Amino acid sequence: MAERAITAEVAAASRMSDPVELVPEMAEVSAALFKAVGNQSVPRITISLVHLRAGQIVGNTYLTVLHTDLLRKAGETEERITAVSSWKDAPYFTPAERAALALAEAVYQPSAHGERVSDELFAQVSEHYDEKALATLMIALGQVGFFIPVALIAKPVPGRSFSEPWV
């Protein structure tokens, strides 16, 4: 039981101060990414599913808790949220969402078979998204990629937003 208390205490503070306080220019980059991804060419739910999958792939609790919470607030079902990690076998996703999740996996997981995003996968994704939407998906993957080092290195407290005190 004492081990749980220690774990909870350790988890109560981030390793670093809020990076925006240390490097204020980060706020502009972050705002630009949010604006670009919010252009409505890709449903916000799809973006959140992709962000959740990226957080799962890199094994980061902060990102998985953040995006799970955002999906819940958007009205997503527990079945869909839970099944993101096993989306290939789950019956809960549309063909377009599956294509976006496949793209996220291709970008964030190393490939033993050469190029990560094959021509075949690109063609599959292109069946569901026009060029603007595909560019938005690329930016969304870059957006979560921008925050992955922050989440892994600074280790913000899961369940707290970036606007809450970090330490």
Protein backbone atom coordinates (compact mmCIF):
# COMPACT_ATOMS: atom_id res chain seq x y z
CA MET A 1 0.00 0.00 0.00
CA ALA A 2 2.87 2.38 0.74
CA GLU A 3 4.11 1.88 -2.83
CA ARG A 4 0.84 3.26 -4.19
CA ALA A 5 1.14 6.38 -2.06
CA ILE A 6 4.67 7.00 -3.29
CA THR A 7 3.57 6.53 -6.90
CA ALA A 8 0.70 8.96 -6.43
CA GLU A 9 3.03 11.54 -4.85
CA VAL A 10 5.54 11.23 -7.66
CA ALA A 11 2.78 11.56 -10.25
CA ALA A 12 1.48 14.75 -8.63
CA ALA A 13 4.15 16.98 -10.20
CA SER A 14 5.67 17.34 -13.63
CA ARG A 15 9.42 17.04 -14.14
CA MET A 16 9.66 20.55 -15.55
CA SER A 17 7.86 23.86 -15.52
CA ASP A 18 5.41 24.62 -18.29
CA PRO A 19 7.53 24.89 -21.47
CA VAL A 20 5.45 27.86 -22.65
CA GLU A 21 6.65 29.80 -19.61
CA LEU A 22 10.25 28.87 -20.44
CA VAL A 23 9.96 29.38 -24.22
CA PRO A 24 6.98 31.69 -24.87
CA GLU A 25 7.35 31.30 -28.66
CA MET A 26 6.02 27.76 -28.26
CA ALA A 27 2.53 29.19 -27.73
CA GLU A 28 2.53 30.69 -31.24
CA VAL A 29 3.61 27.40 -32.82
CA SER A 30 1.01 25.49 -30.84
CA ALA A 31 -1.75 27.96 -31.74
CA ALA A 32 -0.83 27.78 -35.44
CA LEU A 33 -0.98 23.97 -35.37
CA PHE A 34 -4.39 24.00 -33.65
CA LYS A 35 -5.69 26.51 -36.18
CA ALA A 36 -4.42 24.49 -39.15
CA VAL A 37 -5.84 21.22 -37.85
CA GLY A 38 -9.15 22.91 -37.03
CA ASN A 39 -9.86 23.85 -40.67
CA GLN A 40 -12.81 21.38 -40.68
CA SER A 41 -11.58 19.34 -43.65
CA VAL A 42 -11.20 16.35 -41.30
CA PRO A 43 -13.74 15.68 -38.54
CA ARG A 44 -12.45 16.72 -35.12
CA ILE A 45 -13.27 13.23 -33.83
CA THR A 46 -10.98 11.67 -36.44
CA ILE A 47 -8.17 14.03 -35.43
CA SER A 48 -8.68 13.06 -31.77
CA LEU A 49 -8.68 9.34 -32.62
CA VAL A 50 -5.40 9.78 -34.51
CA HIS A 51 -3.89 11.75 -31.62
CA LEU A 52 -4.99 9.09 -29.13
CA ARG A 53 -3.45 6.34 -31.27
CA ALA A 54 -0.16 8.25 -31.53
CA GLY A 55 -0.09 8.67 -27.75
CA GLN A 56 -0.68 4.93 -27.34
CA ILE A 57 2.06 4.05 -29.81
CA VAL A 58 4.67 6.17 -28.04
CA GLY A 59 3.46 4.87 -24.69
CA ASN A 60 2.66 8.19 -23.05
CA THR A 61 0.07 8.32 -20.30
CA TYR A 62 -0.39 12.10 -20.44
CA LEU A 63 -1.32 12.04 -24.15
CA THR A 64 -3.56 8.99 -23.85
CA VAL A 65 -5.43 10.44 -20.87
CA LEU A 66 -5.71 13.85 -22.57
CA HIS A 67 -7.11 12.51 -25.83
CA THR A 68 -9.34 9.96 -24.12
CA ASP A 69 -10.83 12.79 -22.07
CA LEU A 70 -11.31 14.97 -25.16
CA LEU A 71 -13.08 12.12 -26.95
CA ARG A 72 -15.36 11.55 -23.95
CA LYS A 73 -16.22 15.25 -23.81
CA ALA A 74 -17.06 15.07 -27.53
CA GLY A 75 -19.58 12.30 -26.76
CA GLU A 76 -17.62 9.33 -28.00
CA THR A 77 -18.57 5.92 -26.62
CA GLU A 78 -16.34 3.98 -24.28
CA GLU A 79 -16.29 1.15 -26.82
CA ARG A 80 -14.80 3.36 -29.54
CA ILE A 81 -12.30 5.00 -27.20
CA THR A 82 -11.16 1.70 -25.74
CA ALA A 83 -10.95 0.06 -29.15
CA VAL A 84 -8.55 2.63 -30.63
CA SER A 85 -5.62 0.47 -29.53
CA SER A 86 -7.09 -2.50 -31.42
CA TRP A 87 -8.86 -0.59 -34.20
CA LYS A 88 -7.96 -3.14 -36.89
CA ASP A 89 -10.20 -5.75 -35.28
CA ALA A 90 -12.84 -3.43 -33.85
CA PRO A 91 -16.19 -2.92 -35.61
CA TYR A 92 -16.59 0.67 -34.35
CA PHE A 93 -14.72 2.73 -36.94
CA THR A 94 -15.68 4.05 -40.35
CA PRO A 95 -13.50 3.26 -43.37
CA ALA A 96 -12.21 6.87 -43.31
CA GLU A 97 -11.30 6.63 -39.62
CA ARG A 98 -9.56 3.30 -40.28
CA ALA A 99 -7.53 4.90 -43.05
CA ALA A 100 -6.53 7.77 -40.74
CA LEU A 101 -5.58 5.35 -37.95
CA ALA A 102 -3.55 3.26 -40.41
CA LEU A 103 -1.73 6.42 -41.48
CA ALA A 104 -0.97 7.29 -37.84
CA GLU A 105 0.46 3.83 -37.25
CA ALA A 106 2.55 4.01 -40.41
CA VAL A 107 4.00 7.36 -39.38
CA TYR A 108 4.67 6.49 -35.73
CA GLN A 109 5.75 2.84 -35.93
CA PRO A 110 8.96 1.69 -37.58
CA SER A 111 8.49 -0.55 -40.59
CA ALA A 112 10.48 -3.70 -41.07
CA HIS A 113 9.42 -3.69 -44.71
CA GLY A 114 10.83 -0.42 -46.00
CA GLU A 115 8.95 2.81 -46.43
CA ARG A 116 6.49 3.54 -43.66
CA VAL A 117 3.76 5.11 -45.80
CA SER A 118 3.53 2.87 -48.82
CA ASP A 119 1.96 3.87 -52.11
CA GLU A 120 -0.81 1.40 -51.31
CA LEU A 121 -1.56 3.05 -47.95
CA PHE A 122 -1.42 6.51 -49.53
CA ALA A 123 -3.93 5.36 -52.16
CA GLN A 124 -6.17 3.89 -49.45
CA VAL A 125 -6.14 7.11 -47.44
CA SER A 126 -6.68 9.18 -50.60
CA GLU A 127 -9.91 7.26 -51.26
CA HIS A 128 -11.36 8.87 -48.12
CA TYR A 129 -9.67 12.27 -47.97
CA ASP A 130 -9.15 14.95 -50.60
CA GLU A 131 -5.79 16.76 -50.78
CA LYS A 132 -6.72 19.43 -48.24
CA ALA A 133 -7.96 16.81 -45.77
CA LEU A 134 -4.86 14.68 -46.35
CA ALA A 135 -2.66 17.72 -45.73
CA THR A 136 -4.67 18.35 -42.55
CA LEU A 137 -4.08 14.76 -41.41
CA MET A 138 -0.34 15.25 -42.04
CA ILE A 139 -0.42 18.41 -39.94
CA ALA A 140 -2.42 16.63 -37.21
CA LEU A 141 0.21 13.90 -37.06
CA GLY A 142 2.87 16.60 -36.90
CA GLN A 143 0.90 18.40 -34.20
CA VAL A 144 0.88 15.39 -31.90
CA GLY A 145 4.52 14.80 -32.87
CA PHE A 146 5.30 18.33 -31.69
CA PHE A 147 3.89 17.53 -28.24
CA ILE A 148 5.34 14.01 -27.87
CA PRO A 149 8.78 15.19 -26.68
CA VAL A 150 7.10 17.61 -24.26
CA ALA A 151 4.95 14.82 -22.88
CA LEU A 152 7.79 12.29 -22.66
CA ILE A 153 10.50 14.60 -21.28
CA ALA A 154 8.62 17.12 -19.13
CA LYS A 155 6.11 14.45 -18.09
CA PRO A 156 3.10 16.66 -17.32
CA VAL A 157 0.61 15.25 -14.85
CA PRO A 158 -2.00 13.06 -16.59
CA GLY A 159 -5.46 14.53 -16.38
CA ARG A 160 -4.28 18.13 -16.10
CA SER A 161 -4.53 20.50 -19.03
CA PHE A 162 -1.60 22.49 -20.32
CA SER A 163 -3.23 25.59 -18.82
CA GLU A 164 -3.12 24.19 -15.27
CA PRO A 165 0.00 24.61 -13.13
CA TRP A 166 2.64 22.05 -14.06
CA VAL A 167 4.48 21.79 -10.77
